[in-house]
């Protein structure tokens, strides 16, 4: 139930990232409640060319856990103008009894700037729209 989600003792936003995120340059939120800054990731051209994705996670503060719903809209803000792709978003919860449960894993790939895709020659956008946040819906399959 939604009440069970909100009673979790810990929660993490997990995803995979390709490209570079500079320290404190990208932040995440759910329903306007800030989760925090995404950890920095290396930006090696060889990793991008070879599609080597980096797994990252961000632990939720307690006020974000209290805001969880069956369907959650996660927003990535990119004021640092980093160029990256993110995929396989999900939320993992540690319940009060110690069990670990998770949301469904998303299949959509988000890009920053939105709508931009890396090309094989590593050309970056000349007129990017970095200040448009990306939005991903994360869903828990709850039993009635």
C-alpha atoms as a PDB file:
ATOM      1  CA  UNK A   1       0.000   0.000   0.000  1.00  0.00           C
ATOM      2  CA  UNK A   2       1.009   3.642  -0.267  1.00  0.00           C
ATOM      3  CA  UNK A   3       1.148   3.752   3.552  1.00  0.00           C
ATOM      4  CA  UNK A   4       3.757   0.950   3.421  1.00  0.00           C
ATOM      5  CA  UNK A   5       5.856   2.965   0.947  1.00  0.00           C
ATOM      6  CA  UNK A   6       5.752   6.005   3.204  1.00  0.00           C
ATOM      7  CA  UNK A   7       6.807   3.917   6.220  1.00  0.00           C
ATOM      8  CA  UNK A   8      10.046   2.669   4.613  1.00  0.00           C
ATOM      9  CA  UNK A   9      13.085   3.288   6.779  1.00  0.00           C
ATOM     10  CA  UNK A  10      15.321   4.057   3.767  1.00  0.00           C
ATOM     11  CA  UNK A  11      14.944   4.689   0.029  1.00  0.00           C
ATOM     12  CA  UNK A  12      17.220   5.233  -2.950  1.00  0.00           C
ATOM     13  CA  UNK A  13      16.747   6.568  -6.475  1.00  0.00           C
ATOM     14  CA  UNK A  14      18.817   4.364  -8.774  1.00  0.00           C
ATOM     15  CA  UNK A  15      19.695   4.804 -12.435  1.00  0.00           C
ATOM     16  CA  UNK A  16      22.420   4.335 -15.016  1.00  0.00           C
ATOM     17  CA  UNK A  17      24.209   7.338 -16.547  1.00  0.00           C
ATOM     18  CA  UNK A  18      26.272   7.747 -19.711  1.00  0.00           C
ATOM     19  CA  UNK A  19      28.309  10.930 -20.065  1.00  0.00           C
ATOM     20  CA  UNK A  20      29.601  13.317 -17.472  1.00  0.00           C
ATOM     21  CA  UNK A  21      27.903  14.781 -14.436  1.00  0.00           C
ATOM     22  CA  UNK A  22      30.003  17.360 -12.623  1.00  0.00           C
ATOM     23  CA  UNK A  23      29.892  17.504  -8.802  1.00  0.00           C
ATOM     24  CA  UNK A  24      26.737  19.361  -7.599  1.00  0.00           C
ATOM     25  CA  UNK A  25      25.647  20.155 -11.164  1.00  0.00           C
ATOM     26  CA  UNK A  26      22.501  17.986 -11.470  1.00  0.00           C
ATOM     27  CA  UNK A  27      19.783  17.559  -8.850  1.00  0.00           C
ATOM     28  CA  UNK A  28      16.692  15.380  -8.540  1.00  0.00           C
ATOM     29  CA  UNK A  29      13.266  15.932  -7.014  1.00  0.00           C
ATOM     30  CA  UNK A  30       9.923  14.165  -6.587  1.00  0.00           C
ATOM     31  CA  UNK A  31       6.792  16.321  -6.555  1.00  0.00           C
ATOM     32  CA  UNK A  32       8.901  19.418  -5.953  1.00  0.00           C
ATOM     33  CA  UNK A  33      10.597  17.865  -2.908  1.00  0.00           C
ATOM     34  CA  UNK A  34      14.339  17.864  -3.453  1.00  0.00           C
ATOM     35  CA  UNK A  35      16.109  14.507  -3.176  1.00  0.00           C
ATOM     36  CA  UNK A  36      19.602  15.947  -3.612  1.00  0.00           C
ATOM     37  CA  UNK A  37      22.485  16.211  -6.066  1.00  0.00           C
ATOM     38  CA  UNK A  38      23.422  13.315  -8.307  1.00  0.00           C
ATOM     39  CA  UNK A  39      26.943  12.016  -7.690  1.00  0.00           C
ATOM     40  CA  UNK A  40      29.633  13.041 -10.155  1.00  0.00           C
ATOM     41  CA  UNK A  41      30.362  10.579 -12.955  1.00  0.00           C
ATOM     42  CA  UNK A  42      33.413  10.406 -15.203  1.00  0.00           C
ATOM     43  CA  UNK A  43      33.053  11.527 -18.794  1.00  0.00           C
ATOM     44  CA  UNK A  44      35.401   9.415 -20.845  1.00  0.00           C
ATOM     45  CA  UNK A  45      34.867   9.575 -24.594  1.00  0.00           C
ATOM     46  CA  UNK A  46      35.718   5.868 -24.827  1.00  0.00           C
ATOM     47  CA  UNK A  47      32.947   5.059 -22.320  1.00  0.00           C
ATOM     48  CA  UNK A  48      30.446   7.065 -24.337  1.00  0.00           C
ATOM     49  CA  UNK A  49      31.515   5.542 -27.657  1.00  0.00           C
ATOM     50  CA  UNK A  50      31.385   2.050 -26.139  1.00  0.00           C
ATOM     51  CA  UNK A  51      28.060   2.686 -24.349  1.00  0.00           C
ATOM     52  CA  UNK A  52      29.596   2.014 -20.898  1.00  0.00           C
ATOM     53  CA  UNK A  53      26.869   3.140 -18.481  1.00  0.00           C
ATOM     54  CA  UNK A  54      27.661   3.981 -14.831  1.00  0.00           C
ATOM     55  CA  UNK A  55      25.228   2.882 -12.102  1.00  0.00           C
ATOM     56  CA  UNK A  56      24.508   5.656  -9.584  1.00  0.00           C
ATOM     57  CA  UNK A  57      22.176   6.106  -6.640  1.00  0.00           C
ATOM     58  CA  UNK A  58      20.906   8.865  -4.441  1.00  0.00           C
ATOM     59  CA  UNK A  59      19.523   8.245  -0.939  1.00  0.00           C
ATOM     60  CA  UNK A  60      16.194   9.906  -0.118  1.00  0.00           C
ATOM     61  CA  UNK A  61      15.788  12.255   2.840  1.00  0.00           C
ATOM     62  CA  UNK A  62      12.865  11.317   5.113  1.00  0.00           C
ATOM     63  CA  UNK A  63      10.579  14.056   3.721  1.00  0.00           C
ATOM     64  CA  UNK A  64      10.908  12.533   0.232  1.00  0.00           C
ATOM     65  CA  UNK A  65      10.011   9.067   1.559  1.00  0.00           C
ATOM     66  CA  UNK A  66       6.910  10.633   3.136  1.00  0.00           C
ATOM     67  CA  UNK A  67       5.929  12.055  -0.295  1.00  0.00           C
ATOM     68  CA  UNK A  68       6.052   8.690  -2.136  1.00  0.00           C
ATOM     69  CA  UNK A  69       2.982   7.554  -4.070  1.00  0.00           C
ATOM     70  CA  UNK A  70       2.172   4.501  -6.205  1.00  0.00           C
ATOM     71  CA  UNK A  71       3.226   6.630  -9.220  1.00  0.00           C
ATOM     72  CA  UNK A  72       6.061   9.117  -8.759  1.00  0.00           C
ATOM     73  CA  UNK A  73       7.329  11.789 -11.113  1.00  0.00           C
ATOM     74  CA  UNK A  74      11.112  12.196 -10.829  1.00  0.00           C
ATOM     75  CA  UNK A  75      12.573  15.407 -12.231  1.00  0.00           C
ATOM     76  CA  UNK A  76      16.249  15.960 -13.070  1.00  0.00           C
ATOM     77  CA  UNK A  77      17.332  19.597 -13.089  1.00  0.00           C
ATOM     78  CA  UNK A  78      20.586  20.429 -14.855  1.00  0.00           C
ATOM     79  CA  UNK A  79      21.700  23.965 -13.926  1.00  0.00           C
ATOM     80  CA  UNK A  80      25.339  22.885 -14.410  1.00  0.00           C
ATOM     81  CA  UNK A  81      24.672  22.194 -18.126  1.00  0.00           C
ATOM     82  CA  UNK A  82      26.114  18.668 -18.102  1.00  0.00           C
ATOM     83  CA  UNK A  83      25.713  16.527 -21.235  1.00  0.00           C
ATOM     84  CA  UNK A  84      24.527  13.019 -20.349  1.00  0.00           C
ATOM     85  CA  UNK A  85      21.973  10.271 -20.831  1.00  0.00           C
ATOM     86  CA  UNK A  86      20.162   8.484 -17.978  1.00  0.00           C
ATOM     87  CA  UNK A  87      18.130   5.273 -18.069  1.00  0.00           C
ATOM     88  CA  UNK A  88      16.783   2.389 -15.966  1.00  0.00           C
ATOM     89  CA  UNK A  89      15.369   4.584 -13.196  1.00  0.00           C
ATOM     90  CA  UNK A  90      13.887   2.843 -10.167  1.00  0.00           C
ATOM     91  CA  UNK A  91      13.320   3.402  -6.479  1.00  0.00           C
ATOM     92  CA  UNK A  92      14.537   0.827  -3.978  1.00  0.00           C
ATOM     93  CA  UNK A  93      13.043   0.785  -0.482  1.00  0.00           C
ATOM     94  CA  UNK A  94      14.175  -0.783   2.772  1.00  0.00           C
ATOM     95  CA  UNK A  95      11.033  -1.542   4.703  1.00  0.00           C
ATOM     96  CA  UNK A  96      10.646  -1.343   8.499  1.00  0.00           C
ATOM     97  CA  UNK A  97      10.979  -5.149   8.764  1.00  0.00           C
ATOM     98  CA  UNK A  98      14.234  -5.138   6.745  1.00  0.00           C
ATOM     99  CA  UNK A  99      12.795  -6.373   3.436  1.00  0.00           C
ATOM    100  CA  UNK A 100      13.954  -4.664   0.236  1.00  0.00           C
ATOM    101  CA  UNK A 101      11.342  -3.823  -2.403  1.00  0.00           C
ATOM    102  CA  UNK A 102      11.561  -1.787  -5.555  1.00  0.00           C
ATOM    103  CA  UNK A 103       9.501   0.000  -8.132  1.00  0.00           C
ATOM    104  CA  UNK A 104       9.352  -1.118 -11.729  1.00  0.00           C
ATOM    105  CA  UNK A 105      12.466  -0.222 -13.717  1.00  0.00           C
ATOM    106  CA  UNK A 106      11.806   2.352 -16.431  1.00  0.00           C
ATOM    107  CA  UNK A 107      12.714   1.667 -20.063  1.00  0.00           C
ATOM    108  CA  UNK A 108      12.867   5.243 -21.334  1.00  0.00           C
ATOM    109  CA  UNK A 109      16.210   7.025 -21.861  1.00  0.00           C
ATOM    110  CA  UNK A 110      16.360  10.652 -20.717  1.00  0.00           C
ATOM    111  CA  UNK A 111      18.885  13.038 -22.250  1.00  0.00           C
ATOM    112  CA  UNK A 112      20.398  16.326 -21.219  1.00  0.00           C
ATOM    113  CA  UNK A 113      19.838  18.540 -22.921  1.00  0.00           C
ATOM    114  CA  UNK A 114      16.367  17.084 -23.595  1.00  0.00           C
ATOM    115  CA  UNK A 115      16.009  15.542 -27.043  1.00  0.00           C
ATOM    116  CA  UNK A 116      19.765  15.429 -27.640  1.00  0.00           C
ATOM    117  CA  UNK A 117      21.522  12.183 -28.494  1.00  0.00           C
ATOM    118  CA  UNK A 118      25.276  11.694 -28.602  1.00  0.00           C
ATOM    119  CA  UNK A 119      26.660  10.902 -32.014  1.00  0.00           C
ATOM    120  CA  UNK A 120      29.622   8.692 -32.825  1.00  0.00           C
ATOM    121  CA  UNK A 121      31.909  11.688 -33.426  1.00  0.00           C
ATOM    122  CA  UNK A 122      31.131  13.242 -30.029  1.00  0.00           C
ATOM    123  CA  UNK A 123      29.562  16.401 -31.407  1.00  0.00           C
ATOM    124  CA  UNK A 124      27.877  18.385 -28.676  1.00  0.00           C
ATOM    125  CA  UNK A 125      24.830  20.571 -29.226  1.00  0.00           C
ATOM    126  CA  UNK A 126      25.444  24.139 -30.365  1.00  0.00           C
ATOM    127  CA  UNK A 127      22.157  25.522 -29.035  1.00  0.00           C
ATOM    128  CA  UNK A 128      21.194  23.302 -26.110  1.00  0.00           C
ATOM    129  CA  UNK A 129      18.142  23.619 -23.888  1.00  0.00           C
ATOM    130  CA  UNK A 130      19.822  22.574 -20.645  1.00  0.00           C
ATOM    131  CA  UNK A 131      17.375  24.371 -18.392  1.00  0.00           C
ATOM    132  CA  UNK A 132      14.455  22.188 -19.433  1.00  0.00           C
ATOM    133  CA  UNK A 133      14.237  19.471 -16.766  1.00  0.00           C
ATOM    134  CA  UNK A 134      13.669  15.846 -17.680  1.00  0.00           C
ATOM    135  CA  UNK A 135      10.751  13.986 -16.109  1.00  0.00           C
ATOM    136  CA  UNK A 136      10.469  10.224 -15.562  1.00  0.00           C
ATOM    137  CA  UNK A 137       7.531   8.367 -14.020  1.00  0.00           C
ATOM    138  CA  UNK A 138       8.425   5.604 -11.561  1.00  0.00           C
ATOM    139  CA  UNK A 139       5.645   3.171 -10.616  1.00  0.00           C
ATOM    140  CA  UNK A 140       5.254   0.713  -7.738  1.00  0.00           C
ATOM    141  CA  UNK A 141       3.067  -2.323  -8.449  1.00  0.00           C
ATOM    142  CA  UNK A 142       0.980  -2.343  -5.284  1.00  0.00           C
ATOM    143  CA  UNK A 143      -1.348  -5.132  -4.220  1.00  0.00           C
ATOM    144  CA  UNK A 144      -4.873  -4.195  -3.227  1.00  0.00           C
END
